[in-house]
Amino acid sequence: MKKSKNKLKKGSVKRLIGLFLPHKRDCVFMFFMLIISSVFVSVGPRVLGMATDSIVSGLELGGINWQLFQPGLDFQ
């Protein structure tokens, strides 16, 4: 069995980095938006679950508890 050679040479990596350097600001913005979207994907279902619980309990008790929708969510 032969060893596989590294096909990605140092020159290729330098050339690829050189291509991205003019777009450094765009790349930083892209990674920032990636982090923000990951946070929303993680927190979104929790907030939706709290809203659904509030609406269902409000229908059972005759009113919606609007205190649950105030800023500063309590993740217990």
N, C-alpha and C. Protein backbone atom coordinates (compact mmCIF):
# COMPACT_ATOMS: atom_id res chain seq x y z
N MET A 1 0.85 -1.18 0.00
CA MET A 1 0.00 0.00 0.00
C MET A 1 0.90 1.24 0.00
N LYS A 2 0.63 2.15 -0.92
CA LYS A 2 1.43 3.36 -1.04
C LYS A 2 0.91 4.46 -0.12
N LYS A 3 1.81 5.28 0.34
CA LYS A 3 1.40 6.44 1.13
C LYS A 3 0.83 7.50 0.20
N SER A 4 -0.21 8.17 0.66
CA SER A 4 -0.77 9.26 -0.16
C SER A 4 0.03 10.53 0.10
N LYS A 5 0.27 11.27 -0.95
CA LYS A 5 1.05 12.50 -0.83
C LYS A 5 0.13 13.67 -0.54
N ASN A 6 0.67 14.65 0.13
CA ASN A 6 -0.08 15.86 0.41
C ASN A 6 -0.18 16.67 -0.88
N LYS A 7 -1.39 16.79 -1.40
CA LYS A 7 -1.59 17.49 -2.67
C LYS A 7 -1.71 19.00 -2.49
N LEU A 8 -1.92 19.44 -1.26
CA LEU A 8 -2.05 20.87 -0.99
C LEU A 8 -0.67 21.41 -0.60
N LYS A 9 -0.06 22.11 -1.50
CA LYS A 9 1.29 22.62 -1.28
C LYS A 9 1.24 23.98 -0.60
N LYS A 10 2.37 24.40 -0.06
CA LYS A 10 2.45 25.70 0.61
C LYS A 10 2.12 26.84 -0.33
N GLY A 11 2.53 26.74 -1.57
CA GLY A 11 2.24 27.79 -2.55
C GLY A 11 0.75 27.94 -2.80
N SER A 12 0.03 26.83 -2.78
CA SER A 12 -1.42 26.87 -3.00
C SER A 12 -2.12 27.58 -1.85
N VAL A 13 -1.68 27.29 -0.63
CA VAL A 13 -2.28 27.93 0.54
C VAL A 13 -2.01 29.43 0.53
N LYS A 14 -0.79 29.81 0.20
CA LYS A 14 -0.46 31.23 0.14
C LYS A 14 -1.27 31.94 -0.94
N ARG A 15 -1.45 31.29 -2.07
CA ARG A 15 -2.23 31.89 -3.15
C ARG A 15 -3.70 32.03 -2.72
N LEU A 16 -4.23 31.02 -2.03
CA LEU A 16 -5.62 31.08 -1.57
C LEU A 16 -5.80 32.21 -0.55
N ILE A 17 -4.86 32.35 0.38
CA ILE A 17 -4.94 33.44 1.35
C ILE A 17 -4.83 34.78 0.65
N GLY A 18 -3.97 34.86 -0.35
CA GLY A 18 -3.83 36.09 -1.12
C GLY A 18 -5.12 36.48 -1.84
N LEU A 19 -5.88 35.47 -2.27
CA LEU A 19 -7.15 35.76 -2.93
C LEU A 19 -8.19 36.30 -1.95
N PHE A 20 -8.12 35.85 -0.69
CA PHE A 20 -9.10 36.28 0.31
C PHE A 20 -8.74 37.58 1.01
N LEU A 21 -7.50 38.00 0.94
CA LEU A 21 -7.09 39.22 1.65
C LEU A 21 -7.89 40.47 1.26
N PRO A 22 -8.19 40.70 -0.01
CA PRO A 22 -9.00 41.89 -0.32
C PRO A 22 -10.42 41.82 0.25
N HIS A 23 -10.85 40.63 0.62
CA HIS A 23 -12.21 40.44 1.13
C HIS A 23 -12.20 40.14 2.63
N LYS A 24 -11.17 40.61 3.32
CA LYS A 24 -11.04 40.31 4.75
C LYS A 24 -12.24 40.82 5.55
N ARG A 25 -12.70 42.04 5.25
CA ARG A 25 -13.83 42.61 5.97
C ARG A 25 -15.09 41.77 5.74
N ASP A 26 -15.30 41.31 4.52
CA ASP A 26 -16.45 40.48 4.23
C ASP A 26 -16.39 39.14 4.95
N CYS A 27 -15.19 38.57 5.03
CA CYS A 27 -15.03 37.29 5.73
C CYS A 27 -15.29 37.44 7.23
N VAL A 28 -14.80 38.52 7.82
CA VAL A 28 -15.06 38.76 9.25
C VAL A 28 -16.55 38.94 9.49
N PHE A 29 -17.21 39.70 8.62
CA PHE A 29 -18.66 39.91 8.74
C PHE A 29 -19.40 38.58 8.59
N MET A 30 -18.95 37.73 7.67
CA MET A 30 -19.59 36.44 7.46
C MET A 30 -19.48 35.57 8.71
N PHE A 31 -18.30 35.52 9.33
CA PHE A 31 -18.14 34.72 10.55
C PHE A 31 -18.95 35.29 11.71
N PHE A 32 -19.04 36.61 11.80
CA PHE A 32 -19.87 37.24 12.83
C PHE A 32 -21.34 36.85 12.65
N MET A 33 -21.82 36.91 11.41
CA MET A 33 -23.21 36.54 11.14
C MET A 33 -23.44 35.05 11.37
N LEU A 34 -22.42 34.23 11.15
CA LEU A 34 -22.52 32.81 11.42
C LEU A 34 -22.75 32.56 12.90
N ILE A 35 -22.03 33.28 13.74
CA ILE A 35 -22.18 33.14 15.19
C ILE A 35 -23.55 33.62 15.63
N ILE A 36 -23.99 34.77 15.10
CA ILE A 36 -25.31 35.30 15.46
C ILE A 36 -26.41 34.34 15.05
N SER A 37 -26.32 33.78 13.85
CA SER A 37 -27.36 32.85 13.40
C SER A 37 -27.37 31.58 14.25
N SER A 38 -26.21 31.13 14.69
CA SER A 38 -26.15 29.95 15.56
C SER A 38 -26.83 30.22 16.89
N VAL A 39 -26.65 31.43 17.42
CA VAL A 39 -27.31 31.79 18.67
C VAL A 39 -28.82 31.80 18.48
N PHE A 40 -29.30 32.38 17.38
CA PHE A 40 -30.74 32.42 17.13
C PHE A 40 -31.31 31.03 16.93
N VAL A 41 -30.58 30.15 16.27
CA VAL A 41 -31.05 28.79 16.07
C VAL A 41 -31.13 28.06 17.41
N SER A 42 -30.24 28.36 18.32
CA SER A 42 -30.24 27.71 19.63
C SER A 42 -31.32 28.27 20.56
N VAL A 43 -31.51 29.58 20.55
CA VAL A 43 -32.42 30.23 21.49
C VAL A 43 -33.86 30.24 20.97
N GLY A 44 -34.04 30.25 19.66
CA GLY A 44 -35.37 30.36 19.06
C GLY A 44 -36.38 29.33 19.54
N PRO A 45 -36.06 28.04 19.50
CA PRO A 45 -37.02 27.04 19.97
C PRO A 45 -37.39 27.20 21.44
N ARG A 46 -36.44 27.64 22.25
CA ARG A 46 -36.72 27.84 23.68
C ARG A 46 -37.75 28.97 23.87
N VAL A 47 -37.56 30.08 23.15
CA VAL A 47 -38.48 31.21 23.25
C VAL A 47 -39.85 30.81 22.71
N LEU A 48 -39.88 30.08 21.60
CA LEU A 48 -41.14 29.63 21.03
C LEU A 48 -41.87 28.69 21.99
N GLY A 49 -41.12 27.82 22.67
CA GLY A 49 -41.73 26.94 23.67
C GLY A 49 -42.32 27.71 24.84
N MET A 50 -41.61 28.75 25.29
CA MET A 50 -42.14 29.56 26.39
C MET A 50 -43.41 30.29 25.96
N ALA A 51 -43.43 30.79 24.73
CA ALA A 51 -44.62 31.49 24.23
C ALA A 51 -45.79 30.53 24.10
N THR A 52 -45.53 29.34 23.60
CA THR A 52 -46.59 28.35 23.46
C THR A 52 -47.14 27.94 24.82
N ASP A 53 -46.27 27.72 25.79
CA ASP A 53 -46.72 27.37 27.14
C ASP A 53 -47.57 28.49 27.73
N SER A 54 -47.19 29.74 27.52
CA SER A 54 -47.94 30.87 28.04
C SER A 54 -49.32 30.95 27.40
N ILE A 55 -49.38 30.74 26.11
CA ILE A 55 -50.67 30.81 25.42
C ILE A 55 -51.58 29.68 25.87
N VAL A 56 -51.04 28.47 25.98
CA VAL A 56 -51.86 27.33 26.40
C VAL A 56 -52.33 27.52 27.84
N SER A 57 -51.46 27.95 28.74
CA SER A 57 -51.89 28.17 30.12
C SER A 57 -52.87 29.33 30.20
N GLY A 58 -52.71 30.32 29.32
CA GLY A 58 -53.64 31.44 29.29
C GLY A 58 -55.02 31.00 28.84
N LEU A 59 -55.09 30.09 27.90
CA LEU A 59 -56.38 29.59 27.44
C LEU A 59 -57.06 28.77 28.53
N GLU A 60 -56.27 28.06 29.32
CA GLU A 60 -56.84 27.26 30.40
C GLU A 60 -57.29 28.13 31.57
N LEU A 61 -56.55 29.21 31.84
CA LEU A 61 -56.86 30.05 33.00
C LEU A 61 -57.66 31.30 32.64
N GLY A 62 -57.88 31.56 31.37
CA GLY A 62 -58.70 32.68 30.96
C GLY A 62 -57.94 33.93 30.58
N GLY A 63 -56.64 33.89 30.51
CA GLY A 63 -55.87 35.07 30.09
C GLY A 63 -54.41 34.72 29.88
N ILE A 64 -53.73 35.49 29.06
CA ILE A 64 -52.32 35.24 28.76
C ILE A 64 -51.46 36.01 29.75
N ASN A 65 -50.44 35.36 30.28
CA ASN A 65 -49.52 36.00 31.22
C ASN A 65 -48.47 36.77 30.41
N TRP A 66 -48.69 38.06 30.23
CA TRP A 66 -47.80 38.88 29.41
C TRP A 66 -46.48 39.17 30.11
N GLN A 67 -46.36 38.86 31.39
CA GLN A 67 -45.10 39.07 32.11
C GLN A 67 -43.99 38.17 31.58
N LEU A 68 -44.35 37.04 30.98
CA LEU A 68 -43.34 36.14 30.44
C LEU A 68 -42.65 36.71 29.21
N PHE A 69 -43.26 37.70 28.56
CA PHE A 69 -42.73 38.24 27.32
C PHE A 69 -41.94 39.52 27.52
N GLN A 70 -41.61 39.85 28.76
CA GLN A 70 -40.82 41.04 29.05
C GLN A 70 -39.35 40.77 28.75
N PRO A 71 -38.58 41.81 28.47
CA PRO A 71 -37.14 41.62 28.23
C PRO A 71 -36.46 40.96 29.43
N GLY A 72 -35.41 40.22 29.17
CA GLY A 72 -34.70 39.50 30.23
C GLY A 72 -35.34 38.16 30.45
N LEU A 73 -35.28 37.31 29.46
CA LEU A 73 -35.91 36.00 29.54
C LEU A 73 -35.27 35.19 30.66
N ASP A 74 -36.08 34.43 31.34
CA ASP A 74 -35.63 33.59 32.44
C ASP A 74 -35.57 32.16 31.92
N PHE A 75 -34.36 31.65 31.65
CA PHE A 75 -34.18 30.30 31.13
C PHE A 75 -33.95 29.34 32.26
N GLN A 76 -35.01 28.87 32.83
CA GLN A 76 -34.89 27.93 33.95
C GLN A 76 -35.12 26.52 33.47
